[in-house]
Amino acid sequence: MDEKTLIGKIRGLRQIKPRKEWVFLTKREILGSERLSFVEIFSQYKFAFTSLALILILISTFVFAQRSLPGDLLHPLKKITERGQAVFVSETDQPKIQLELANKRLEELTKIAEENQVKKLAPAIEEYQTSLSQAAKKIAQIKEPKEVRKIIPEIKKLEGNIQNLKTYGVEIDETEERENLYKPMVEVLIKDLEKSTLTENQIKLFEETKKLYNEGNSSEALIKALEASQIR
């Protein structure tokens, strides 16, 4: 190998760079307990830092989504989370879960009305009505009086939320939706009362229940049926 070739190869060695991990480890060995700079630490563990940052962003997004209202950018994520949770609930508990969701939508609508967020009223009303319809579908599958008893607290809460909403001047024409909600419950209770031995007072309430039911007033019929069934 002549002198010119040798010089060329030596110059080529200048282009070879050691791996960063080797540099850090070597520097740590040389400096002993001396601390590495933040830049050096970040460069060494940038994948871990990036992953942690991504996890924190996802958690923050999830938290903010739970506080969102209909019309907000993150509200669809909130609904996806709710649907995911409902998947793990037994079929007999589905009516209660769907009513809880309807109450959530109604509470969101009330908050929007309270804060006078006019642009969000329409999507909030639509969300509530859709949720109420889904609850009615699950309630239509109820077969036993005990299943009716299980959802009475949520029904009472729904009625209270509806009255609260009206105090802000918002009234929704939901006659059909609420009829679909209460009618199956009344039918279950009527069938149960027909098979039961009733007192004189219960018979009177039972007759009033059937009359209201036949008139298409299922919400009032439900109240009478509950009284006749001695459900408090």
Protein backbone atom coordinates (compact mmCIF):
# COMPACT_ATOMS: atom_id res chain seq x y z
CA MET A 1 0.00 0.00 0.00
CA ASP A 2 1.58 3.30 -1.05
CA GLU A 3 1.61 6.45 1.08
CA LYS A 4 -1.20 8.19 -0.90
CA THR A 5 -3.60 5.24 -0.50
CA LEU A 6 -2.86 5.00 3.22
CA ILE A 7 -3.58 8.71 3.76
CA GLY A 8 -6.90 8.31 1.89
CA LYS A 9 -8.03 5.44 4.12
CA ILE A 10 -7.10 7.33 7.28
CA ARG A 11 -9.17 10.30 6.13
CA GLY A 12 -12.10 7.94 5.48
CA LEU A 13 -12.04 6.87 9.11
CA ARG A 14 -13.07 10.39 10.08
CA GLN A 15 -16.55 9.70 8.65
CA ILE A 16 -17.17 6.82 11.06
CA LYS A 17 -19.29 7.91 14.06
CA PRO A 18 -19.84 5.79 17.20
CA ARG A 19 -23.38 4.85 18.29
CA LYS A 20 -24.97 7.30 20.75
CA GLU A 21 -25.49 4.57 23.34
CA TRP A 22 -21.74 3.81 23.30
CA VAL A 23 -20.91 7.50 23.68
CA PHE A 24 -23.23 7.87 26.70
CA LEU A 25 -21.94 4.74 28.40
CA THR A 26 -18.31 5.68 27.77
CA LYS A 27 -18.88 9.22 29.03
CA ARG A 28 -20.60 7.88 32.15
CA GLU A 29 -17.65 5.58 32.84
CA ILE A 30 -15.13 8.39 32.36
CA LEU A 31 -17.03 11.03 34.36
CA GLY A 32 -18.21 8.64 37.05
CA SER A 33 -21.04 10.20 39.08
CA GLU A 34 -21.12 13.39 36.98
CA ARG A 35 -24.64 13.96 35.67
CA LEU A 36 -25.54 13.80 32.01
CA SER A 37 -27.26 16.80 30.42
CA PHE A 38 -31.02 16.79 29.88
CA VAL A 39 -30.47 16.70 26.12
CA GLU A 40 -28.29 13.63 26.45
CA ILE A 41 -30.80 11.89 28.71
CA PHE A 42 -33.68 12.76 26.39
CA SER A 43 -31.75 11.53 23.36
CA GLN A 44 -31.03 8.25 25.13
CA TYR A 45 -34.61 7.68 26.29
CA LYS A 46 -36.58 9.61 23.67
CA PHE A 47 -38.74 6.61 22.79
CA ALA A 48 -39.81 6.21 26.44
CA PHE A 49 -40.46 9.97 26.77
CA THR A 50 -42.48 10.00 23.54
CA SER A 51 -44.57 7.04 24.68
CA LEU A 52 -45.22 8.66 28.06
CA ALA A 53 -46.23 11.94 26.42
CA LEU A 54 -48.63 10.08 24.13
CA ILE A 55 -50.21 8.27 27.09
CA LEU A 56 -50.65 11.56 28.97
CA ILE A 57 -52.27 13.17 25.93
CA LEU A 58 -54.69 10.24 25.57
CA ILE A 59 -55.61 10.37 29.28
CA SER A 60 -56.16 14.15 29.12
CA THR A 61 -58.32 13.78 26.02
CA PHE A 62 -60.41 11.09 27.73
CA VAL A 63 -60.89 13.25 30.86
CA PHE A 64 -61.93 16.31 28.85
CA ALA A 65 -64.29 14.16 26.76
CA GLN A 66 -66.20 13.10 29.87
CA ARG A 67 -66.95 16.78 30.59
CA SER A 68 -68.04 17.57 27.05
CA LEU A 69 -71.55 18.53 25.95
CA PRO A 70 -73.47 17.76 22.73
CA GLY A 71 -72.04 19.97 20.01
CA ASP A 72 -68.52 19.81 21.47
CA LEU A 73 -65.69 18.23 19.46
CA LEU A 74 -65.00 15.50 22.04
CA HIS A 75 -68.61 14.52 22.76
CA PRO A 76 -68.61 11.61 20.23
CA LEU A 77 -65.68 10.13 22.18
CA LYS A 78 -67.73 10.37 25.38
CA LYS A 79 -70.60 8.45 23.72
CA ILE A 80 -68.22 5.77 22.42
CA THR A 81 -66.92 5.28 25.96
CA GLU A 82 -70.47 4.97 27.30
CA ARG A 83 -71.42 2.42 24.65
CA GLY A 84 -68.28 0.43 25.43
CA GLN A 85 -69.24 0.29 29.11
CA ALA A 86 -72.80 -0.79 28.27
CA VAL A 87 -71.49 -3.81 26.35
CA PHE A 88 -70.37 -5.45 29.61
CA VAL A 89 -73.77 -5.03 31.29
CA SER A 90 -76.19 -7.98 31.45
CA GLU A 91 -79.29 -7.93 29.27
CA THR A 92 -81.63 -7.56 32.26
CA ASP A 93 -79.73 -4.44 33.36
CA GLN A 94 -79.79 -2.83 29.91
CA PRO A 95 -83.06 -0.88 30.49
CA LYS A 96 -81.58 0.72 33.60
CA ILE A 97 -78.30 1.57 31.84
CA GLN A 98 -80.11 3.12 28.87
CA LEU A 99 -82.29 5.20 31.19
CA GLU A 100 -79.16 6.39 32.99
CA LEU A 101 -77.77 7.52 29.64
CA ALA A 102 -81.04 9.28 28.79
CA ASN A 103 -80.82 11.10 32.12
CA LYS A 104 -77.22 12.11 31.33
CA ARG A 105 -78.30 13.56 27.97
CA LEU A 106 -81.16 15.40 29.72
CA GLU A 107 -78.80 16.82 32.33
CA GLU A 108 -76.46 17.97 29.56
CA LEU A 109 -79.38 19.64 27.81
CA THR A 110 -80.36 21.37 31.06
CA LYS A 111 -76.81 22.67 31.52
CA ILE A 112 -76.80 24.02 27.97
CA ALA A 113 -80.12 25.77 28.58
CA GLU A 114 -78.89 27.12 31.92
CA GLU A 115 -75.76 28.60 30.28
CA ASN A 116 -77.80 29.82 27.29
CA GLN A 117 -75.58 28.03 24.76
CA VAL A 118 -78.14 28.43 21.99
CA LYS A 119 -76.05 26.79 19.23
CA LYS A 120 -75.84 23.56 21.23
CA LEU A 121 -79.57 23.27 21.99
CA ALA A 122 -80.52 21.48 18.75
CA PRO A 123 -77.82 18.77 18.92
CA ALA A 124 -78.48 18.30 22.64
CA ILE A 125 -82.23 17.79 22.08
CA GLU A 126 -81.50 15.32 19.28
CA GLU A 127 -79.05 13.40 21.48
CA TYR A 128 -81.60 13.20 24.30
CA GLN A 129 -84.44 12.01 22.05
CA THR A 130 -82.21 9.36 20.46
CA SER A 131 -81.15 8.15 23.89
CA LEU A 132 -84.76 8.05 25.07
CA SER A 133 -85.76 5.96 22.03
CA GLN A 134 -82.95 3.48 22.74
CA ALA A 135 -84.12 3.21 26.35
CA ALA A 136 -87.68 2.55 25.16
CA LYS A 137 -86.46 -0.34 22.97
CA LYS A 138 -84.79 -2.01 25.95
CA ILE A 139 -87.78 -1.40 28.22
CA ALA A 140 -90.03 -3.06 25.63
CA GLN A 141 -88.15 -6.30 26.38
CA ILE A 142 -89.07 -6.29 30.08
CA LYS A 143 -91.16 -9.31 31.10
CA GLU A 144 -91.26 -9.32 34.91
CA PRO A 145 -92.57 -6.82 37.52
CA LYS A 146 -89.24 -7.03 39.38
CA GLU A 147 -87.52 -5.65 36.28
CA VAL A 148 -89.95 -2.72 36.34
CA ARG A 149 -89.14 -2.08 40.01
CA LYS A 150 -85.44 -1.97 39.17
CA ILE A 151 -85.81 1.02 36.85
CA ILE A 152 -88.39 3.05 38.83
CA PRO A 153 -85.68 5.27 40.45
CA GLU A 154 -84.37 6.23 37.01
CA ILE A 155 -87.91 6.91 35.78
CA LYS A 156 -88.52 9.24 38.72
CA LYS A 157 -85.18 10.94 38.06
CA LEU A 158 -86.15 11.39 34.40
CA GLU A 159 -89.43 13.04 35.34
CA GLY A 160 -87.60 15.34 37.75
CA ASN A 161 -85.05 16.30 35.10
CA ILE A 162 -87.84 17.05 32.61
CA GLN A 163 -89.53 19.38 35.09
CA ASN A 164 -86.19 21.03 35.86
CA LEU A 165 -85.56 21.65 32.17
CA LYS A 166 -88.90 23.40 31.84
CA THR A 167 -87.80 26.02 34.37
CA TYR A 168 -85.35 27.28 31.71
CA GLY A 169 -88.14 27.64 29.17
CA VAL A 170 -87.25 24.51 27.18
CA GLU A 171 -90.11 22.12 26.46
CA ILE A 172 -89.70 19.16 24.13
CA ASP A 173 -92.57 17.52 22.28
CA GLU A 174 -91.81 13.94 23.29
CA THR A 175 -95.33 12.55 23.74
CA GLU A 176 -94.69 9.58 21.47
CA GLU A 177 -91.26 8.79 22.97
CA ARG A 178 -92.53 8.82 26.54
CA GLU A 179 -95.59 6.77 25.58
CA ASN A 180 -93.24 4.14 24.12
CA LEU A 181 -91.21 4.32 27.31
CA TYR A 182 -94.04 3.79 29.81
CA LYS A 183 -96.48 1.60 27.87
CA PRO A 184 -94.51 -1.69 28.14
CA MET A 185 -94.03 -1.12 31.87
CA VAL A 186 -97.75 -0.58 32.41
CA GLU A 187 -98.56 -3.73 30.41
CA VAL A 188 -96.25 -5.85 32.59
CA LEU A 189 -97.81 -4.46 35.78
CA ILE A 190 -101.37 -4.93 34.49
CA LYS A 191 -100.69 -8.59 33.70
CA ASP A 192 -99.20 -9.07 37.16
CA LEU A 193 -102.17 -7.36 38.87
CA GLU A 194 -104.61 -9.51 36.92
CA LYS A 195 -103.05 -12.60 38.48
CA SER A 196 -102.92 -11.16 41.99
CA THR A 197 -105.42 -11.05 44.84
CA LEU A 198 -106.21 -7.36 45.31
CA THR A 199 -107.72 -5.34 48.11
CA GLU A 200 -110.69 -3.08 47.47
CA ASN A 201 -108.40 -0.06 47.19
CA GLN A 202 -106.06 -1.89 44.82
CA ILE A 203 -108.99 -2.90 42.61
CA LYS A 204 -110.01 0.75 42.33
CA LEU A 205 -106.47 1.77 41.39
CA PHE A 206 -106.27 -1.11 38.94
CA GLU A 207 -109.43 0.03 37.17
CA GLU A 208 -108.06 3.57 36.96
CA THR A 209 -104.83 2.16 35.53
CA LYS A 210 -106.63 0.32 32.74
CA LYS A 211 -108.77 3.36 31.95
CA LEU A 212 -105.74 5.66 31.63
CA TYR A 213 -103.87 3.02 29.62
CA ASN A 214 -106.75 2.64 27.15
CA GLU A 215 -106.89 6.43 26.79
CA GLY A 216 -103.23 6.45 25.76
CA ASN A 217 -102.02 8.13 28.95
CA SER A 218 -99.35 5.64 29.92
CA SER A 219 -97.37 7.98 32.17
CA GLU A 220 -100.37 8.50 34.50
CA ALA A 221 -101.34 4.84 34.13
CA LEU A 222 -97.88 3.87 35.34
CA ILE A 223 -98.33 5.93 38.50
CA LYS A 224 -101.65 4.22 39.28
CA ALA A 225 -100.23 0.79 38.45
CA LEU A 226 -97.34 1.36 40.83
CA GLU A 227 -99.72 2.40 43.57
CA ALA A 228 -101.88 -0.66 42.93
CA SER A 229 -98.78 -2.87 43.03
CA GLN A 230 -97.72 -1.20 46.27
CA ILE A 231 -94.42 -0.12 44.74
CA ARG A 232 -92.99 2.88 46.53
